Amino acid sequence: MKRKALIVQGGWDGHEPVQVAEIFRQVLTECDFEVEVSDTLDAFLDRDKLMSLHLIIPVWTMGKITNEQLQPVLEAVASGVGIAGCHGGMCDSFRESTEWQFMTGGQWVAHPGNDGTRHTINIKRGSSPIVEGIEDFEVVTEQYYMHVDPAIEVLATTRFPVVDGPHAANGVVDVPVVWTKRWGKGRVFYCSLGHHADIVAMEQTLTIMRRGFLWAAEGKDLV
């Protein structure tokens, strides 16, 4: 029987959620998943359906989620369903929902320099098969400054400051870009790259996302 994944797309159009969701759909289809793509958060209301999944992928930025929509997701992931995503599609989805942030492991707070900022992604070698064989690489896109859960396992970072601003007064800091964590029996995967679909489609990003999806989904089989 094929593993099942649910992609929920929407929110702010500037992050190209439809295009990003289609890239993710293709990746999962190539990995032999049965994939459903929904454009409503009401897809989260069916608790039993969520429990039957291997993977949930949110591609939704700056939205609002009701408690009725949120609780089935929290419960499904805690039961062993994986959750994985990128950029604002997962860690700037619901700014008012601290429970969502608690599960996902972080929240976007700033991108000094905005889009077009050249910066380096530093791979934490030996941290996980998800990033094995990938060398440090440069990107020209938003550099995400994240507030993060100390429980996350960091797989890659980026160094601030690249551009000047009030944050530069703190000196050099390394902010997580790629991480994993656990939520009950479920696996959580996140990558902060992905402002637009072209960044998601980069070889390094797409490799990391594919591996992250598979890692998160595999947790369901171990429950």
Foldseek 3Di string as FASTA:
>chain_A
DAAEEEEEFDADCLLVRVLQVVLVVVLVVVVRHHYDYHPDLCVQQPLVVLLRHLEYEFQAADDADDPSSPPSVLVSQLLFRFYEYEARRQQRHHVVDVVSCVQQWKHFDDFPVAAQQKWKKCFPPPQDPLQPPPHIDIDGTTDTAMDGDPQKRAGIWTWDDSDDDPVCVVPIDTGGAWTWHGRNLFIHTYGNDRSYSVRCPPPNNVSSRSSRRVVRSVSNVVD
